Amino acid sequence: MDNPVISSERLILRRMTKDDTRNLLEIFSDPVAMEYYPSTKDESETMEWIKWTQKNYDEYGVGLWIVEDKVTREFLGQCGIVPQEVDGVMEMEIGYLFARRAWGKGYATEAALACKHYGFEQLKFSRIVSLPDVNNIPSTKVAERIGMQVMKTINKWGKEVYVYSVSI
């Protein structure tokens, strides 16, 4: 079993592996969960997502991590720190995407807060951003709950997104 990268009161965040394909497909094949993404993903696209994530681990030491219930080890979603270009500058973004059955229980906020602490305390980042779609109210609320403030709106991924940020 993979050692957790981060743990919080209720959650474990661990590195993603190819064995997570089926779990991730629960989210990626759900059009409601994927509403703010360009489209749902099939198994092949999910495996590419895992490869991209593992490349981030290798190149940046961060990436999206699998979020599990600390007690049951049930898959809940993914949350982590991802390098993203914003206005020509590489920023570290806290991203999160959870299975619909896990919505409304505070998991995204708890996992994102754990990532924020990890980014500042362990990795010594001075600033972290989040880039939710301007229409994705639940995601903007998570960013606000972990102390981020909206700085501006940009066009990224072919849509309008907020640039939320928090600095130490």
N, C-alpha and C. Protein backbone atom coordinates (compact mmCIF):
# COMPACT_ATOMS: atom_id res chain seq x y z
N MET A 1 0.85 -1.19 0.00
CA MET A 1 0.00 0.00 0.00
C MET A 1 0.89 1.24 0.00
N ASP A 2 0.52 2.18 -0.84
CA ASP A 2 1.27 3.43 -0.95
C ASP A 2 1.24 4.21 0.36
N ASN A 3 2.36 4.78 0.73
CA ASN A 3 2.37 5.66 1.89
C ASN A 3 1.64 6.94 1.54
N PRO A 4 0.87 7.47 2.50
CA PRO A 4 0.17 8.72 2.20
C PRO A 4 1.16 9.87 2.02
N VAL A 5 0.84 10.76 1.11
CA VAL A 5 1.61 11.99 0.94
C VAL A 5 1.17 12.96 2.04
N ILE A 6 -0.15 13.02 2.23
CA ILE A 6 -0.76 13.94 3.20
C ILE A 6 -1.88 13.19 3.90
N SER A 7 -2.08 13.48 5.17
CA SER A 7 -3.29 12.99 5.82
C SER A 7 -3.90 14.14 6.61
N SER A 8 -5.22 14.06 6.79
CA SER A 8 -5.96 15.05 7.54
C SER A 8 -6.83 14.29 8.54
N GLU A 9 -7.74 14.98 9.16
CA GLU A 9 -8.57 14.33 10.17
C GLU A 9 -9.29 13.10 9.63
N ARG A 10 -9.90 13.22 8.43
CA ARG A 10 -10.70 12.12 7.89
C ARG A 10 -10.12 11.48 6.64
N LEU A 11 -9.07 12.09 6.07
CA LEU A 11 -8.63 11.72 4.73
C LEU A 11 -7.17 11.34 4.63
N ILE A 12 -6.89 10.51 3.63
CA ILE A 12 -5.52 10.21 3.20
C ILE A 12 -5.42 10.63 1.74
N LEU A 13 -4.36 11.33 1.41
CA LEU A 13 -4.05 11.68 0.03
C LEU A 13 -2.78 10.93 -0.34
N ARG A 14 -2.87 10.12 -1.38
CA ARG A 14 -1.72 9.29 -1.79
C ARG A 14 -1.49 9.42 -3.28
N ARG A 15 -0.31 8.97 -3.71
CA ARG A 15 0.03 9.04 -5.13
C ARG A 15 -0.91 8.18 -5.97
N MET A 16 -1.20 8.66 -7.15
CA MET A 16 -2.06 7.98 -8.11
C MET A 16 -1.25 6.90 -8.84
N THR A 17 -1.88 5.74 -9.08
CA THR A 17 -1.25 4.66 -9.86
C THR A 17 -2.24 4.20 -10.93
N LYS A 18 -1.74 3.36 -11.85
CA LYS A 18 -2.63 2.85 -12.89
C LYS A 18 -3.77 2.02 -12.30
N ASP A 19 -3.58 1.50 -11.09
CA ASP A 19 -4.66 0.75 -10.43
C ASP A 19 -5.84 1.64 -10.06
N ASP A 20 -5.69 2.95 -10.16
CA ASP A 20 -6.78 3.88 -9.84
C ASP A 20 -7.68 4.17 -11.04
N THR A 21 -7.41 3.56 -12.18
CA THR A 21 -8.18 3.85 -13.39
C THR A 21 -9.68 3.68 -13.17
N ARG A 22 -10.08 2.53 -12.62
CA ARG A 22 -11.52 2.27 -12.44
C ARG A 22 -12.17 3.29 -11.51
N ASN A 23 -11.48 3.61 -10.41
CA ASN A 23 -12.02 4.60 -9.48
C ASN A 23 -12.16 5.96 -10.15
N LEU A 24 -11.14 6.40 -10.87
CA LEU A 24 -11.19 7.70 -11.53
C LEU A 24 -12.29 7.74 -12.58
N LEU A 25 -12.54 6.61 -13.23
CA LEU A 25 -13.61 6.57 -14.23
C LEU A 25 -14.98 6.85 -13.62
N GLU A 26 -15.14 6.56 -12.33
CA GLU A 26 -16.40 6.90 -11.66
C GLU A 26 -16.68 8.41 -11.80
N ILE A 27 -15.63 9.21 -11.70
CA ILE A 27 -15.77 10.66 -11.85
C ILE A 27 -15.78 11.03 -13.33
N PHE A 28 -14.76 10.56 -14.07
CA PHE A 28 -14.55 10.99 -15.44
C PHE A 28 -15.68 10.59 -16.39
N SER A 29 -16.42 9.53 -16.07
CA SER A 29 -17.52 9.11 -16.96
C SER A 29 -18.86 9.73 -16.55
N ASP A 30 -18.85 10.52 -15.47
CA ASP A 30 -20.08 11.13 -14.95
C ASP A 30 -20.23 12.54 -15.52
N PRO A 31 -21.21 12.76 -16.42
CA PRO A 31 -21.35 14.10 -17.02
C PRO A 31 -21.65 15.20 -16.02
N VAL A 32 -22.27 14.86 -14.89
CA VAL A 32 -22.56 15.88 -13.87
C VAL A 32 -21.26 16.29 -13.16
N ALA A 33 -20.47 15.31 -12.76
CA ALA A 33 -19.19 15.60 -12.10
C ALA A 33 -18.24 16.34 -13.04
N MET A 34 -18.35 16.07 -14.34
CA MET A 34 -17.44 16.65 -15.34
C MET A 34 -18.02 17.88 -16.02
N GLU A 35 -19.08 18.46 -15.46
CA GLU A 35 -19.77 19.59 -16.09
C GLU A 35 -18.83 20.73 -16.48
N TYR A 36 -17.81 21.01 -15.68
CA TYR A 36 -16.94 22.16 -15.94
C TYR A 36 -15.65 21.77 -16.65
N TYR A 37 -15.58 20.53 -17.10
CA TYR A 37 -14.45 20.07 -17.93
C TYR A 37 -14.94 20.01 -19.37
N PRO A 38 -14.02 20.00 -20.35
CA PRO A 38 -14.47 20.00 -21.74
C PRO A 38 -15.36 18.81 -22.09
N SER A 39 -15.08 17.64 -21.50
CA SER A 39 -15.89 16.46 -21.79
C SER A 39 -15.57 15.38 -20.76
N THR A 40 -16.38 14.33 -20.79
CA THR A 40 -16.07 13.17 -19.97
C THR A 40 -14.84 12.48 -20.55
N LYS A 41 -14.31 11.50 -19.82
CA LYS A 41 -13.13 10.78 -20.29
C LYS A 41 -13.45 9.28 -20.32
N ASP A 42 -12.85 8.58 -21.30
CA ASP A 42 -12.97 7.13 -21.35
C ASP A 42 -11.75 6.50 -20.66
N GLU A 43 -11.66 5.18 -20.71
CA GLU A 43 -10.56 4.49 -20.01
C GLU A 43 -9.19 4.90 -20.54
N SER A 44 -9.07 5.02 -21.85
CA SER A 44 -7.79 5.40 -22.45
C SER A 44 -7.38 6.82 -22.01
N GLU A 45 -8.34 7.75 -22.02
CA GLU A 45 -8.05 9.13 -21.59
C GLU A 45 -7.74 9.19 -20.09
N THR A 46 -8.37 8.32 -19.33
CA THR A 46 -8.09 8.26 -17.89
C THR A 46 -6.67 7.77 -17.65
N MET A 47 -6.24 6.79 -18.43
CA MET A 47 -4.86 6.30 -18.29
C MET A 47 -3.86 7.39 -18.69
N GLU A 48 -4.19 8.21 -19.69
CA GLU A 48 -3.33 9.34 -20.05
C GLU A 48 -3.27 10.36 -18.90
N TRP A 49 -4.40 10.59 -18.23
CA TRP A 49 -4.47 11.49 -17.08
C TRP A 49 -3.51 11.01 -15.98
N ILE A 50 -3.53 9.70 -15.74
CA ILE A 50 -2.65 9.12 -14.71
C ILE A 50 -1.19 9.31 -15.11
N LYS A 51 -0.87 9.07 -16.39
CA LYS A 51 0.52 9.28 -16.86
C LYS A 51 0.95 10.74 -16.70
N TRP A 52 0.05 11.67 -17.05
CA TRP A 52 0.34 13.10 -16.89
C TRP A 52 0.59 13.43 -15.42
N THR A 53 -0.23 12.87 -14.55
CA THR A 53 -0.08 13.10 -13.10
C THR A 53 1.25 12.56 -12.61
N GLN A 54 1.61 11.34 -13.04
CA GLN A 54 2.88 10.75 -12.60
C GLN A 54 4.07 11.55 -13.14
N LYS A 55 3.93 12.12 -14.32
CA LYS A 55 4.98 12.99 -14.87
C LYS A 55 5.15 14.23 -13.98
N ASN A 56 4.02 14.79 -13.50
CA ASN A 56 4.11 15.92 -12.57
C ASN A 56 4.83 15.53 -11.28
N TYR A 57 4.56 14.32 -10.77
CA TYR A 57 5.28 13.85 -9.57
C TYR A 57 6.78 13.87 -9.83
N ASP A 58 7.17 13.32 -11.00
CA ASP A 58 8.60 13.21 -11.34
C ASP A 58 9.24 14.57 -11.57
N GLU A 59 8.54 15.46 -12.29
CA GLU A 59 9.15 16.74 -12.67
C GLU A 59 9.03 17.82 -11.60
N TYR A 60 7.92 17.83 -10.86
CA TYR A 60 7.67 18.92 -9.92
C TYR A 60 7.56 18.48 -8.46
N GLY A 61 7.49 17.18 -8.23
CA GLY A 61 7.34 16.68 -6.86
C GLY A 61 5.93 16.84 -6.32
N VAL A 62 5.00 17.25 -7.17
CA VAL A 62 3.60 17.41 -6.78
C VAL A 62 2.72 16.90 -7.92
N GLY A 63 1.44 16.82 -7.65
CA GLY A 63 0.46 16.41 -8.64
C GLY A 63 -0.86 16.18 -7.94
N LEU A 64 -1.82 15.69 -8.69
CA LEU A 64 -3.08 15.32 -8.05
C LEU A 64 -2.87 14.01 -7.30
N TRP A 65 -3.43 13.92 -6.12
CA TRP A 65 -3.34 12.71 -5.32
C TRP A 65 -4.72 12.10 -5.16
N ILE A 66 -4.75 10.80 -4.99
CA ILE A 66 -6.01 10.09 -4.74
C ILE A 66 -6.42 10.38 -3.30
N VAL A 67 -7.69 10.75 -3.12
CA VAL A 67 -8.23 11.02 -1.78
C VAL A 67 -9.07 9.83 -1.35
N GLU A 68 -8.72 9.30 -0.18
CA GLU A 68 -9.44 8.15 0.38
C GLU A 68 -9.87 8.45 1.81
N ASP A 69 -10.94 7.77 2.22
CA ASP A 69 -11.37 7.81 3.61
C ASP A 69 -10.27 7.17 4.46
N LYS A 70 -9.86 7.85 5.51
CA LYS A 70 -8.74 7.40 6.34
C LYS A 70 -9.01 6.04 6.99
N VAL A 71 -10.25 5.78 7.35
CA VAL A 71 -10.60 4.53 8.05
C VAL A 71 -10.89 3.40 7.07
N THR A 72 -11.78 3.65 6.12
CA THR A 72 -12.24 2.57 5.22
C THR A 72 -11.39 2.42 3.97
N ARG A 73 -10.58 3.45 3.65
CA ARG A 73 -9.77 3.53 2.42
C ARG A 73 -10.66 3.58 1.17
N GLU A 74 -11.92 3.99 1.33
CA GLU A 74 -12.83 4.16 0.20
C GLU A 74 -12.36 5.33 -0.66
N PHE A 75 -12.37 5.14 -1.98
CA PHE A 75 -12.02 6.19 -2.92
C PHE A 75 -13.08 7.29 -2.88
N LEU A 76 -12.62 8.55 -2.76
CA LEU A 76 -13.54 9.69 -2.72
C LEU A 76 -13.33 10.64 -3.89
N GLY A 77 -12.08 10.76 -4.36
CA GLY A 77 -11.81 11.70 -5.44
C GLY A 77 -10.32 11.95 -5.57
N GLN A 78 -10.00 13.11 -6.10
CA GLN A 78 -8.60 13.51 -6.26
C GLN A 78 -8.45 14.97 -5.88
N CYS A 79 -7.31 15.28 -5.31
CA CYS A 79 -7.00 16.65 -4.90
C CYS A 79 -5.48 16.74 -4.84
N GLY A 80 -4.95 17.86 -5.22
CA GLY A 80 -3.51 18.00 -5.15
C GLY A 80 -3.04 19.34 -5.64
N ILE A 81 -1.74 19.41 -5.87
CA ILE A 81 -1.09 20.63 -6.32
C ILE A 81 -0.53 20.36 -7.70
N VAL A 82 -0.95 21.20 -8.66
CA VAL A 82 -0.62 20.98 -10.06
C VAL A 82 0.02 22.23 -10.65
N PRO A 83 1.13 22.08 -11.37
CA PRO A 83 1.70 23.25 -12.05
C PRO A 83 0.79 23.71 -13.19
N GLN A 84 0.49 25.00 -13.21
CA GLN A 84 -0.36 25.58 -14.25
C GLN A 84 0.23 26.92 -14.70
N GLU A 85 0.17 27.17 -15.99
CA GLU A 85 0.63 28.47 -16.49
C GLU A 85 -0.50 29.48 -16.37
N VAL A 86 -0.19 30.61 -15.75
CA VAL A 86 -1.15 31.71 -15.62
C VAL A 86 -0.43 32.98 -16.08
N ASP A 87 -0.92 33.56 -17.16
CA ASP A 87 -0.32 34.78 -17.72
C ASP A 87 1.19 34.65 -17.90
N GLY A 88 1.61 33.49 -18.43
CA GLY A 88 3.02 33.27 -18.75
C GLY A 88 3.90 32.90 -17.57
N VAL A 89 3.30 32.73 -16.39
CA VAL A 89 4.05 32.37 -15.19
C VAL A 89 3.58 31.01 -14.70
N MET A 90 4.54 30.14 -14.30
CA MET A 90 4.17 28.84 -13.75
C MET A 90 3.74 29.03 -12.30
N GLU A 91 2.52 28.68 -12.02
CA GLU A 91 1.95 28.78 -10.67
C GLU A 91 1.66 27.37 -10.17
N MET A 92 1.54 27.22 -8.87
CA MET A 92 1.13 25.95 -8.29
C MET A 92 -0.34 26.07 -7.88
N GLU A 93 -1.16 25.21 -8.48
CA GLU A 93 -2.61 25.28 -8.29
C GLU A 93 -3.10 24.12 -7.42
N ILE A 94 -3.97 24.42 -6.48
CA ILE A 94 -4.70 23.37 -5.77
C ILE A 94 -5.92 23.04 -6.62
N GLY A 95 -5.99 21.79 -7.06
CA GLY A 95 -7.12 21.32 -7.85
C GLY A 95 -7.83 20.20 -7.12
N TYR A 96 -9.11 20.03 -7.40
CA TYR A 96 -9.90 18.99 -6.72
C TYR A 96 -11.05 18.57 -7.60
N LEU A 97 -11.36 17.30 -7.54
CA LEU A 97 -12.47 16.72 -8.30
C LEU A 97 -12.89 15.44 -7.58
N PHE A 98 -14.13 15.42 -7.12
CA PHE A 98 -14.60 14.32 -6.28
C PHE A 98 -15.75 13.57 -6.93
N ALA A 99 -15.89 12.30 -6.55
CA ALA A 99 -17.04 11.50 -6.97
C ALA A 99 -18.31 12.15 -6.42
N ARG A 100 -19.37 12.12 -7.21
CA ARG A 100 -20.59 12.81 -6.81
C ARG A 100 -21.13 12.30 -5.46
N ARG A 101 -20.96 11.01 -5.17
CA ARG A 101 -21.44 10.46 -3.90
C ARG A 101 -20.71 11.06 -2.69
N ALA A 102 -19.57 11.71 -2.94
CA ALA A 102 -18.78 12.30 -1.86
C ALA A 102 -19.02 13.80 -1.71
N TRP A 103 -19.89 14.37 -2.56
CA TRP A 103 -20.14 15.81 -2.52
C TRP A 103 -20.92 16.19 -1.26
N GLY A 104 -20.69 17.42 -0.81
CA GLY A 104 -21.49 17.98 0.28
C GLY A 104 -21.09 17.50 1.66
N LYS A 105 -19.93 16.86 1.78
CA LYS A 105 -19.49 16.33 3.07
C LYS A 105 -18.24 17.03 3.60
N GLY A 106 -17.79 18.07 2.87
CA GLY A 106 -16.62 18.81 3.30
C GLY A 106 -15.29 18.19 2.91
N TYR A 107 -15.31 17.12 2.12
CA TYR A 107 -14.06 16.45 1.76
C TYR A 107 -13.17 17.34 0.89
N ALA A 108 -13.75 18.04 -0.08
CA ALA A 108 -12.93 18.89 -0.97
C ALA A 108 -12.24 19.98 -0.16
N THR A 109 -12.99 20.61 0.75
CA THR A 109 -12.40 21.67 1.58
C THR A 109 -11.30 21.10 2.47
N GLU A 110 -11.56 19.96 3.10
CA GLU A 110 -10.56 19.35 3.99
C GLU A 110 -9.30 18.95 3.23
N ALA A 111 -9.48 18.34 2.05
CA ALA A 111 -8.33 17.92 1.25
C ALA A 111 -7.56 19.14 0.72
N ALA A 112 -8.30 20.16 0.23
CA ALA A 112 -7.64 21.36 -0.31
C ALA A 112 -6.87 22.10 0.79
N LEU A 113 -7.44 22.15 1.98
CA LEU A 113 -6.76 22.81 3.11
C LEU A 113 -5.48 22.05 3.47
N ALA A 114 -5.56 20.72 3.45
CA ALA A 114 -4.36 19.91 3.72
C ALA A 114 -3.29 20.16 2.66
N CYS A 115 -3.71 20.31 1.39
CA CYS A 115 -2.75 20.61 0.32
C CYS A 115 -2.14 21.99 0.50
N LYS A 116 -2.95 22.94 0.92
CA LYS A 116 -2.45 24.30 1.17
C LYS A 116 -1.37 24.27 2.25
N HIS A 117 -1.65 23.60 3.36
CA HIS A 117 -0.66 23.51 4.44
C HIS A 117 0.61 22.80 3.96
N TYR A 118 0.44 21.72 3.21
CA TYR A 118 1.57 20.97 2.68
C TYR A 118 2.42 21.85 1.75
N GLY A 119 1.75 22.60 0.87
CA GLY A 119 2.46 23.47 -0.06
C GLY A 119 3.27 24.55 0.64
N PHE A 120 2.69 25.15 1.67
CA PHE A 120 3.39 26.22 2.39
C PHE A 120 4.41 25.68 3.38
N GLU A 121 4.04 24.65 4.15
CA GLU A 121 4.90 24.19 5.25
C GLU A 121 5.99 23.23 4.79
N GLN A 122 5.65 22.29 3.90
CA GLN A 122 6.63 21.28 3.48
C GLN A 122 7.40 21.71 2.23
N LEU A 123 6.69 22.29 1.27
CA LEU A 123 7.31 22.63 0.00
C LEU A 123 7.80 24.07 -0.08
N LYS A 124 7.42 24.88 0.92
CA LYS A 124 7.89 26.26 1.04
C LYS A 124 7.46 27.15 -0.12
N PHE A 125 6.28 26.87 -0.70
CA PHE A 125 5.74 27.77 -1.71
C PHE A 125 5.36 29.08 -1.02
N SER A 126 5.48 30.19 -1.75
CA SER A 126 5.08 31.47 -1.17
C SER A 126 3.67 31.87 -1.61
N ARG A 127 3.17 31.21 -2.68
CA ARG A 127 1.84 31.52 -3.20
C ARG A 127 1.27 30.27 -3.84
N ILE A 128 -0.02 30.08 -3.68
CA ILE A 128 -0.74 28.97 -4.31
C ILE A 128 -2.02 29.53 -4.90
N VAL A 129 -2.39 29.02 -6.07
CA VAL A 129 -3.60 29.50 -6.75
C VAL A 129 -4.63 28.37 -6.88
N SER A 130 -5.82 28.75 -7.29
CA SER A 130 -6.85 27.81 -7.70
C SER A 130 -7.56 28.45 -8.88
N LEU A 131 -7.96 27.63 -9.86
CA LEU A 131 -8.49 28.16 -11.12
C LEU A 131 -9.86 27.56 -11.45
N PRO A 132 -10.86 27.83 -10.64
CA PRO A 132 -12.19 27.26 -10.94
C PRO A 132 -12.90 28.01 -12.06
N ASP A 133 -13.70 27.27 -12.81
CA ASP A 133 -14.60 27.86 -13.81
C ASP A 133 -15.47 28.90 -13.09
N VAL A 134 -15.71 30.03 -13.74
CA VAL A 134 -16.47 31.11 -13.09
C VAL A 134 -17.89 30.67 -12.73
N ASN A 135 -18.41 29.64 -13.39
CA ASN A 135 -19.76 29.16 -13.10
C ASN A 135 -19.80 28.03 -12.08
N ASN A 136 -18.63 27.56 -11.65
CA ASN A 136 -18.57 26.42 -10.74
C ASN A 136 -18.58 26.92 -9.29
N ILE A 137 -19.78 27.23 -8.81
CA ILE A 137 -19.93 27.82 -7.48
C ILE A 137 -19.37 26.92 -6.38
N PRO A 138 -19.63 25.60 -6.38
CA PRO A 138 -19.04 24.77 -5.31
C PRO A 138 -17.52 24.86 -5.25
N SER A 139 -16.85 24.88 -6.40
CA SER A 139 -15.38 24.98 -6.40
C SER A 139 -14.90 26.35 -5.94
N THR A 140 -15.61 27.40 -6.30
CA THR A 140 -15.20 28.73 -5.82
C THR A 140 -15.37 28.81 -4.31
N LYS A 141 -16.40 28.17 -3.78
CA LYS A 141 -16.62 28.17 -2.32
C LYS A 141 -15.48 27.45 -1.59
N VAL A 142 -15.00 26.34 -2.17
CA VAL A 142 -13.87 25.63 -1.56
C VAL A 142 -12.65 26.54 -1.51
N ALA A 143 -12.36 27.22 -2.61
CA ALA A 143 -11.21 28.14 -2.64
C ALA A 143 -11.35 29.21 -1.56
N GLU A 144 -12.55 29.75 -1.42
CA GLU A 144 -12.78 30.79 -0.40
C GLU A 144 -12.67 30.23 1.01
N ARG A 145 -13.18 29.00 1.22
CA ARG A 145 -13.12 28.41 2.56
C ARG A 145 -11.70 28.14 3.03
N ILE A 146 -10.77 27.95 2.09
CA ILE A 146 -9.38 27.69 2.52
C ILE A 146 -8.55 28.98 2.51
N GLY A 147 -9.24 30.12 2.43
CA GLY A 147 -8.55 31.39 2.60
C GLY A 147 -8.07 32.06 1.34
N MET A 148 -8.51 31.58 0.19
CA MET A 148 -8.10 32.21 -1.07
C MET A 148 -9.04 33.36 -1.41
N GLN A 149 -8.48 34.32 -2.15
CA GLN A 149 -9.27 35.45 -2.63
C GLN A 149 -9.14 35.53 -4.13
N VAL A 150 -10.24 35.91 -4.81
CA VAL A 150 -10.20 36.03 -6.25
C VAL A 150 -9.39 37.27 -6.63
N MET A 151 -8.44 37.08 -7.54
CA MET A 151 -7.57 38.16 -7.99
C MET A 151 -8.05 38.74 -9.32
N LYS A 152 -8.48 37.84 -10.22
CA LYS A 152 -8.91 38.27 -11.56
C LYS A 152 -9.58 37.10 -12.26
N THR A 153 -10.05 37.39 -13.45
CA THR A 153 -10.61 36.37 -14.33
C THR A 153 -9.72 36.28 -15.56
N ILE A 154 -9.43 35.06 -16.00
CA ILE A 154 -8.63 34.86 -17.22
C ILE A 154 -9.34 33.86 -18.12
N ASN A 155 -8.91 33.78 -19.37
CA ASN A 155 -9.40 32.76 -20.28
C ASN A 155 -8.36 31.65 -20.31
N LYS A 156 -8.77 30.45 -19.89
CA LYS A 156 -7.88 29.28 -19.91
C LYS A 156 -8.73 28.07 -20.24
N TRP A 157 -8.18 27.14 -20.96
CA TRP A 157 -8.91 25.94 -21.37
C TRP A 157 -10.16 26.31 -22.18
N GLY A 158 -10.11 27.46 -22.87
CA GLY A 158 -11.22 27.87 -23.71
C GLY A 158 -12.44 28.38 -22.96
N LYS A 159 -12.23 28.81 -21.72
CA LYS A 159 -13.35 29.33 -20.93
C LYS A 159 -12.84 30.34 -19.91
N GLU A 160 -13.78 31.01 -19.26
CA GLU A 160 -13.42 31.98 -18.22
C GLU A 160 -13.22 31.25 -16.90
N VAL A 161 -12.08 31.50 -16.27
CA VAL A 161 -11.82 30.95 -14.95
C VAL A 161 -11.36 32.07 -14.02
N TYR A 162 -11.67 31.90 -12.75
CA TYR A 162 -11.16 32.82 -11.73
C TYR A 162 -9.74 32.40 -11.38
N VAL A 163 -8.92 33.38 -11.05
CA VAL A 163 -7.61 33.11 -10.44
C VAL A 163 -7.77 33.50 -8.98
N TYR A 164 -7.91 32.47 -8.16
CA TYR A 164 -7.90 32.66 -6.71
C TYR A 164 -6.47 32.48 -6.26
N SER A 165 -6.05 33.19 -5.21
CA SER A 165 -4.72 32.93 -4.68
C SER A 165 -4.65 33.19 -3.20
N VAL A 166 -3.64 32.60 -2.61
CA VAL A 166 -3.32 32.82 -1.21
C VAL A 166 -1.80 32.80 -1.10
N SER A 167 -1.27 33.71 -0.29
CA SER A 167 0.18 33.81 -0.09
C SER A 167 0.48 33.73 1.40
N ILE A 168 1.71 33.33 1.71
CA ILE A 168 2.10 33.33 3.13
C ILE A 168 2.71 34.67 3.49
